[in-house]
Amino acid sequence: MLALFIEQALLSVIGMIADASEAGNRSEIAMRLSEAVQRRTQLETLKDRQDQLLLSVIPAYLTDKVIV
């Protein structure tokens, strides 16, 4: 009976450790995903600025050919 209690307690502790580890992993994944989305947004903003700059320096009759 005591052995069963010890086994159950040990399994409970192992389960809690596994749950904490999974929560930490999910938190890290969420943080990395958020950073990736932020970088993607920054890159899109830079590309838009680059496109605007390019369109501001080329002649108007060529802009229709550049915009795809």
PDB file of N, CA and C in Angstrom:
ATOM      1  N   MET A   1       0.820  -1.194   0.000  1.00  0.00           N
ATOM      2  CA  MET A   1       0.000   0.000   0.000  1.00  0.00           C
ATOM      3  C   MET A   1       0.863   1.257   0.000  1.00  0.00           C
ATOM      4  N   LEU A   2       1.913   1.259   0.807  1.00  0.00           N
ATOM      5  CA  LEU A   2       2.822   2.399   0.863  1.00  0.00           C
ATOM      6  C   LEU A   2       3.550   2.560  -0.471  1.00  0.00           C
ATOM      7  N   ALA A   3       3.910   1.433  -1.087  1.00  0.00           N
ATOM      8  CA  ALA A   3       4.597   1.482  -2.375  1.00  0.00           C
ATOM      9  C   ALA A   3       3.699   2.118  -3.438  1.00  0.00           C
ATOM     10  N   LEU A   4       2.425   1.796  -3.398  1.00  0.00           N
ATOM     11  CA  LEU A   4       1.475   2.368  -4.356  1.00  0.00           C
ATOM     12  C   LEU A   4       1.353   3.876  -4.154  1.00  0.00           C
ATOM     13  N   PHE A   5       1.294   4.306  -2.906  1.00  0.00           N
ATOM     14  CA  PHE A   5       1.219   5.738  -2.596  1.00  0.00           C
ATOM     15  C   PHE A   5       2.463   6.468  -3.097  1.00  0.00           C
ATOM     16  N   ILE A   6       3.632   5.886  -2.868  1.00  0.00           N
ATOM     17  CA  ILE A   6       4.893   6.503  -3.318  1.00  0.00           C
ATOM     18  C   ILE A   6       4.929   6.575  -4.839  1.00  0.00           C
ATOM     19  N   GLU A   7       4.483   5.504  -5.492  1.00  0.00           N
ATOM     20  CA  GLU A   7       4.458   5.489  -6.957  1.00  0.00           C
ATOM     21  C   GLU A   7       3.520   6.567  -7.496  1.00  0.00           C
ATOM     22  N   GLN A   8       2.345   6.697  -6.905  1.00  0.00           N
ATOM     23  CA  GLN A   8       1.383   7.715  -7.337  1.00  0.00           C
ATOM     24  C   GLN A   8       1.934   9.124  -7.112  1.00  0.00           C
ATOM     25  N   ALA A   9       2.585   9.338  -5.976  1.00  0.00           N
ATOM     26  CA  ALA A   9       3.168  10.647  -5.678  1.00  0.00           C
ATOM     27  C   ALA A   9       4.271  10.976  -6.673  1.00  0.00           C
ATOM     28  N   LEU A  10       5.106   9.988  -6.975  1.00  0.00           N
ATOM     29  CA  LEU A  10       6.196  10.191  -7.927  1.00  0.00           C
ATOM     30  C   LEU A  10       5.651  10.508  -9.315  1.00  0.00           C
ATOM     31  N   LEU A  11       4.622   9.798  -9.735  1.00  0.00           N
ATOM     32  CA  LEU A  11       4.017  10.071 -11.036  1.00  0.00           C
ATOM     33  C   LEU A  11       3.388  11.464 -11.075  1.00  0.00           C
ATOM     34  N   SER A  12       2.801  11.883  -9.978  1.00  0.00           N
ATOM     35  CA  SER A  12       2.221  13.230  -9.921  1.00  0.00           C
ATOM     36  C   SER A  12       3.294  14.296 -10.056  1.00  0.00           C
ATOM     37  N   VAL A  13       4.418  14.104  -9.363  1.00  0.00           N
ATOM     38  CA  VAL A  13       5.524  15.069  -9.443  1.00  0.00           C
ATOM     39  C   VAL A  13       6.078  15.112 -10.862  1.00  0.00           C
ATOM     40  N   ILE A  14       6.273  13.952 -11.469  1.00  0.00           N
ATOM     41  CA  ILE A  14       6.781  13.899 -12.846  1.00  0.00           C
ATOM     42  C   ILE A  14       5.804  14.591 -13.793  1.00  0.00           C
ATOM     43  N   GLY A  15       4.514  14.383 -13.590  1.00  0.00           N
ATOM     44  CA  GLY A  15       3.505  15.041 -14.424  1.00  0.00           C
ATOM     45  C   GLY A  15       3.543  16.548 -14.287  1.00  0.00           C
ATOM     46  N   MET A  16       3.711  17.040 -13.061  1.00  0.00           N
ATOM     47  CA  MET A  16       3.785  18.494 -12.854  1.00  0.00           C
ATOM     48  C   MET A  16       5.022  19.085 -13.520  1.00  0.00           C
ATOM     49  N   ILE A  17       6.136  18.369 -13.438  1.00  0.00           N
ATOM     50  CA  ILE A  17       7.366  18.848 -14.086  1.00  0.00           C
ATOM     51  C   ILE A  17       7.177  18.887 -15.599  1.00  0.00           C
ATOM     52  N   ALA A  18       6.569  17.851 -16.153  1.00  0.00           N
ATOM     53  CA  ALA A  18       6.329  17.809 -17.602  1.00  0.00           C
ATOM     54  C   ALA A  18       5.398  18.939 -18.031  1.00  0.00           C
ATOM     55  N   ASP A  19       4.348  19.203 -17.251  1.00  0.00           N
ATOM     56  CA  ASP A  19       3.422  20.296 -17.579  1.00  0.00           C
ATOM     57  C   ASP A  19       4.127  21.641 -17.552  1.00  0.00           C
ATOM     58  N   ALA A  20       4.988  21.850 -16.556  1.00  0.00           N
ATOM     59  CA  ALA A  20       5.723  23.113 -16.457  1.00  0.00           C
ATOM     60  C   ALA A  20       6.668  23.273 -17.638  1.00  0.00           C
ATOM     61  N   SER A  21       7.293  22.179 -18.038  1.00  0.00           N
ATOM     62  CA  SER A  21       8.213  22.230 -19.178  1.00  0.00           C
ATOM     63  C   SER A  21       7.462  22.561 -20.463  1.00  0.00           C
ATOM     64  N   GLU A  22       6.304  21.941 -20.663  1.00  0.00           N
ATOM     65  CA  GLU A  22       5.501  22.223 -21.856  1.00  0.00           C
ATOM     66  C   GLU A  22       5.027  23.667 -21.876  1.00  0.00           C
ATOM     67  N   ALA A  23       4.644  24.187 -20.731  1.00  0.00           N
ATOM     68  CA  ALA A  23       4.197  25.585 -20.658  1.00  0.00           C
ATOM     69  C   ALA A  23       5.342  26.522 -21.016  1.00  0.00           C
ATOM     70  N   GLY A  24       6.545  26.205 -20.541  1.00  0.00           N
ATOM     71  CA  GLY A  24       7.716  27.014 -20.886  1.00  0.00           C
ATOM     72  C   GLY A  24       8.002  26.969 -22.374  1.00  0.00           C
ATOM     73  N   ASN A  25       7.886  25.785 -22.967  1.00  0.00           N
ATOM     74  CA  ASN A  25       8.117  25.646 -24.406  1.00  0.00           C
ATOM     75  C   ASN A  25       7.081  26.423 -25.208  1.00  0.00           C
ATOM     76  N   ARG A  26       5.820  26.353 -24.789  1.00  0.00           N
ATOM     77  CA  ARG A  26       4.769  27.102 -25.488  1.00  0.00           C
ATOM     78  C   ARG A  26       5.014  28.600 -25.386  1.00  0.00           C
ATOM     79  N   SER A  27       5.466  29.034 -24.229  1.00  0.00           N
ATOM     80  CA  SER A  27       5.749  30.457 -24.035  1.00  0.00           C
ATOM     81  C   SER A  27       6.885  30.907 -24.952  1.00  0.00           C
ATOM     82  N   GLU A  28       7.928  30.093 -25.049  1.00  0.00           N
ATOM     83  CA  GLU A  28       9.061  30.434 -25.914  1.00  0.00           C
ATOM     84  C   GLU A  28       8.641  30.445 -27.386  1.00  0.00           C
ATOM     85  N   ILE A  29       7.828  29.486 -27.788  1.00  0.00           N
ATOM     86  CA  ILE A  29       7.344  29.438 -29.172  1.00  0.00           C
ATOM     87  C   ILE A  29       6.502  30.671 -29.481  1.00  0.00           C
ATOM     88  N   ALA A  30       5.640  31.051 -28.554  1.00  0.00           N
ATOM     89  CA  ALA A  30       4.802  32.238 -28.760  1.00  0.00           C
ATOM     90  C   ALA A  30       5.657  33.490 -28.884  1.00  0.00           C
ATOM     91  N   MET A  31       6.708  33.588 -28.072  1.00  0.00           N
ATOM     92  CA  MET A  31       7.593  34.747 -28.123  1.00  0.00           C
ATOM     93  C   MET A  31       8.327  34.803 -29.464  1.00  0.00           C
ATOM     94  N   ARG A  32       8.830  33.660 -29.903  1.00  0.00           N
ATOM     95  CA  ARG A  32       9.548  33.628 -31.188  1.00  0.00           C
ATOM     96  C   ARG A  32       8.621  33.937 -32.357  1.00  0.00           C
ATOM     97  N   LEU A  33       7.405  33.442 -32.298  1.00  0.00           N
ATOM     98  CA  LEU A  33       6.434  33.728 -33.351  1.00  0.00           C
ATOM     99  C   LEU A  33       6.108  35.215 -33.390  1.00  0.00           C
ATOM    100  N   SER A  34       5.956  35.805 -32.227  1.00  0.00           N
ATOM    101  CA  SER A  34       5.684  37.240 -32.150  1.00  0.00           C
ATOM    102  C   SER A  34       6.839  38.043 -32.739  1.00  0.00           C
ATOM    103  N   GLU A  35       8.068  37.642 -32.423  1.00  0.00           N
ATOM    104  CA  GLU A  35       9.243  38.325 -32.979  1.00  0.00           C
ATOM    105  C   GLU A  35       9.292  38.179 -34.496  1.00  0.00           C
ATOM    106  N   ALA A  36       8.964  36.995 -34.999  1.00  0.00           N
ATOM    107  CA  ALA A  36       8.984  36.768 -36.445  1.00  0.00           C
ATOM    108  C   ALA A  36       7.943  37.633 -37.147  1.00  0.00           C
ATOM    109  N   VAL A  37       6.765  37.743 -36.563  1.00  0.00           N
ATOM    110  CA  VAL A  37       5.715  38.583 -37.151  1.00  0.00           C
ATOM    111  C   VAL A  37       6.158  40.039 -37.146  1.00  0.00           C
ATOM    112  N   GLN A  38       6.785  40.462 -36.054  1.00  0.00           N
ATOM    113  CA  GLN A  38       7.257  41.845 -35.959  1.00  0.00           C
ATOM    114  C   GLN A  38       8.329  42.127 -37.016  1.00  0.00           C
ATOM    115  N   ARG A  39       9.271  41.196 -37.183  1.00  0.00           N
ATOM    116  CA  ARG A  39      10.304  41.372 -38.217  1.00  0.00           C
ATOM    117  C   ARG A  39       9.685  41.411 -39.609  1.00  0.00           C
ATOM    118  N   ARG A  40       8.711  40.555 -39.852  1.00  0.00           N
ATOM    119  CA  ARG A  40       8.044  40.515 -41.158  1.00  0.00           C
ATOM    120  C   ARG A  40       7.357  41.851 -41.442  1.00  0.00           C
ATOM    121  N   THR A  41       6.704  42.406 -40.435  1.00  0.00           N
ATOM    122  CA  THR A  41       6.040  43.700 -40.584  1.00  0.00           C
ATOM    123  C   THR A  41       7.058  44.794 -40.875  1.00  0.00           C
ATOM    124  N   GLN A  42       8.182  44.763 -40.168  1.00  0.00           N
ATOM    125  CA  GLN A  42       9.234  45.754 -40.407  1.00  0.00           C
ATOM    126  C   GLN A  42       9.778  45.636 -41.829  1.00  0.00           C
ATOM    127  N   LEU A  43       9.986  44.408 -42.292  1.00  0.00           N
ATOM    128  CA  LEU A  43      10.488  44.208 -43.654  1.00  0.00           C
ATOM    129  C   LEU A  43       9.493  44.714 -44.696  1.00  0.00           C
ATOM    130  N   GLU A  44       8.210  44.459 -44.471  1.00  0.00           N
ATOM    131  CA  GLU A  44       7.197  44.943 -45.411  1.00  0.00           C
ATOM    132  C   GLU A  44       7.161  46.468 -45.433  1.00  0.00           C
ATOM    133  N   THR A  45       7.312  47.090 -44.269  1.00  0.00           N
ATOM    134  CA  THR A  45       7.341  48.551 -44.196  1.00  0.00           C
ATOM    135  C   THR A  45       8.545  49.100 -44.944  1.00  0.00           C
ATOM    136  N   LEU A  46       9.704  48.477 -44.746  1.00  0.00           N
ATOM    137  CA  LEU A  46      10.907  48.917 -45.458  1.00  0.00           C
ATOM    138  C   LEU A  46      10.754  48.740 -46.966  1.00  0.00           C
ATOM    139  N   LYS A  47      10.142  47.628 -47.386  1.00  0.00           N
ATOM    140  CA  LYS A  47       9.938  47.407 -48.818  1.00  0.00           C
ATOM    141  C   LYS A  47       9.005  48.467 -49.394  1.00  0.00           C
ATOM    142  N   ASP A  48       7.943  48.793 -48.671  1.00  0.00           N
ATOM    143  CA  ASP A  48       7.021  49.836 -49.139  1.00  0.00           C
ATOM    144  C   ASP A  48       7.738  51.175 -49.280  1.00  0.00           C
ATOM    145  N   ARG A  49       8.564  51.511 -48.305  1.00  0.00           N
ATOM    146  CA  ARG A  49       9.327  52.766 -48.382  1.00  0.00           C
ATOM    147  C   ARG A  49      10.292  52.753 -49.562  1.00  0.00           C
ATOM    148  N   GLN A  50      10.917  51.601 -49.759  1.00  0.00           N
ATOM    149  CA  GLN A  50      11.852  51.462 -50.872  1.00  0.00           C
ATOM    150  C   GLN A  50      11.117  51.634 -52.207  1.00  0.00           C
ATOM    151  N   ASP A  51       9.951  51.022 -52.320  1.00  0.00           N
ATOM    152  CA  ASP A  51       9.153  51.156 -53.543  1.00  0.00           C
ATOM    153  C   ASP A  51       8.737  52.607 -53.779  1.00  0.00           C
ATOM    154  N   GLN A  52       8.313  53.282 -52.710  1.00  0.00           N
ATOM    155  CA  GLN A  52       7.911  54.684 -52.841  1.00  0.00           C
ATOM    156  C   GLN A  52       9.082  55.554 -53.284  1.00  0.00           C
ATOM    157  N   LEU A  53      10.247  55.290 -52.714  1.00  0.00           N
ATOM    158  CA  LEU A  53      11.432  56.056 -53.102  1.00  0.00           C
ATOM    159  C   LEU A  53      11.775  55.807 -54.567  1.00  0.00           C
ATOM    160  N   LEU A  54      11.728  54.553 -54.977  1.00  0.00           N
ATOM    161  CA  LEU A  54      12.023  54.223 -56.367  1.00  0.00           C
ATOM    162  C   LEU A  54      11.043  54.913 -57.308  1.00  0.00           C
ATOM    163  N   LEU A  55       9.767  54.859 -56.964  1.00  0.00           N
ATOM    164  CA  LEU A  55       8.757  55.477 -57.821  1.00  0.00           C
ATOM    165  C   LEU A  55       8.877  56.998 -57.844  1.00  0.00           C
ATOM    166  N   SER A  56       9.456  57.572 -56.809  1.00  0.00           N
ATOM    167  CA  SER A  56       9.588  59.029 -56.780  1.00  0.00           C
ATOM    168  C   SER A  56      10.761  59.524 -57.626  1.00  0.00           C
ATOM    169  N   VAL A  57      11.683  58.629 -57.982  1.00  0.00           N
ATOM    170  CA  VAL A  57      12.850  59.080 -58.750  1.00  0.00           C
ATOM    171  C   VAL A  57      12.825  58.651 -60.212  1.00  0.00           C
ATOM    172  N   ILE A  58      11.952  57.710 -60.569  1.00  0.00           N
ATOM    173  CA  ILE A  58      11.907  57.313 -61.975  1.00  0.00           C
ATOM    174  C   ILE A  58      10.840  58.133 -62.691  1.00  0.00           C
ATOM    175  N   PRO A  59      10.981  58.292 -63.984  1.00  0.00           N
ATOM    176  CA  PRO A  59      10.001  59.073 -64.745  1.00  0.00           C
ATOM    177  C   PRO A  59       8.605  58.446 -64.663  1.00  0.00           C
ATOM    178  N   ALA A  60       7.598  59.297 -64.734  1.00  0.00           N
ATOM    179  CA  ALA A  60       6.208  58.862 -64.572  1.00  0.00           C
ATOM    180  C   ALA A  60       5.801  57.817 -65.606  1.00  0.00           C
ATOM    181  N   TYR A  61       6.290  57.943 -66.842  1.00  0.00           N
ATOM    182  CA  TYR A  61       5.865  56.995 -67.871  1.00  0.00           C
ATOM    183  C   TYR A  61       6.417  55.588 -67.623  1.00  0.00           C
ATOM    184  N   LEU A  62       7.430  55.449 -66.775  1.00  0.00           N
ATOM    185  CA  LEU A  62       7.971  54.123 -66.468  1.00  0.00           C
ATOM    186  C   LEU A  62       7.314  53.483 -65.241  1.00  0.00           C
ATOM    187  N   THR A  63       6.626  54.271 -64.442  1.00  0.00           N
ATOM    188  CA  THR A  63       6.061  53.717 -63.208  1.00  0.00           C
ATOM    189  C   THR A  63       5.035  52.626 -63.479  1.00  0.00           C
ATOM    190  N   ASP A  64       4.272  52.757 -64.559  1.00  0.00           N
ATOM    191  CA  ASP A  64       3.291  51.719 -64.879  1.00  0.00           C
ATOM    192  C   ASP A  64       3.967  50.398 -65.207  1.00  0.00           C
ATOM    193  N   LYS A  65       5.150  50.462 -65.788  1.00  0.00           N
ATOM    194  CA  LYS A  65       5.875  49.240 -66.131  1.00  0.00           C
ATOM    195  C   LYS A  65       6.537  48.624 -64.904  1.00  0.00           C
ATOM    196  N   VAL A  66       6.873  49.444 -63.917  1.00  0.00           N
ATOM    197  CA  VAL A  66       7.542  48.953 -62.712  1.00  0.00           C
ATOM    198  C   VAL A  66       6.543  48.311 -61.762  1.00  0.00           C
ATOM    199  N   ILE A  67       5.363  48.905 -61.626  1.00  0.00           N
ATOM    200  CA  ILE A  67       4.351  48.384 -60.708  1.00  0.00           C
ATOM    201  C   ILE A  67       3.738  47.137 -61.318  1.00  0.00           C
ATOM    202  N   VAL A  68       3.826  46.043 -60.589  1.00  0.00           N
ATOM    203  CA  VAL A  68       3.298  44.764 -61.082  1.00  0.00           C
ATOM    204  C   VAL A  68       2.193  44.295 -60.185  1.00  0.00           C
TER     205      VAL A  68
END
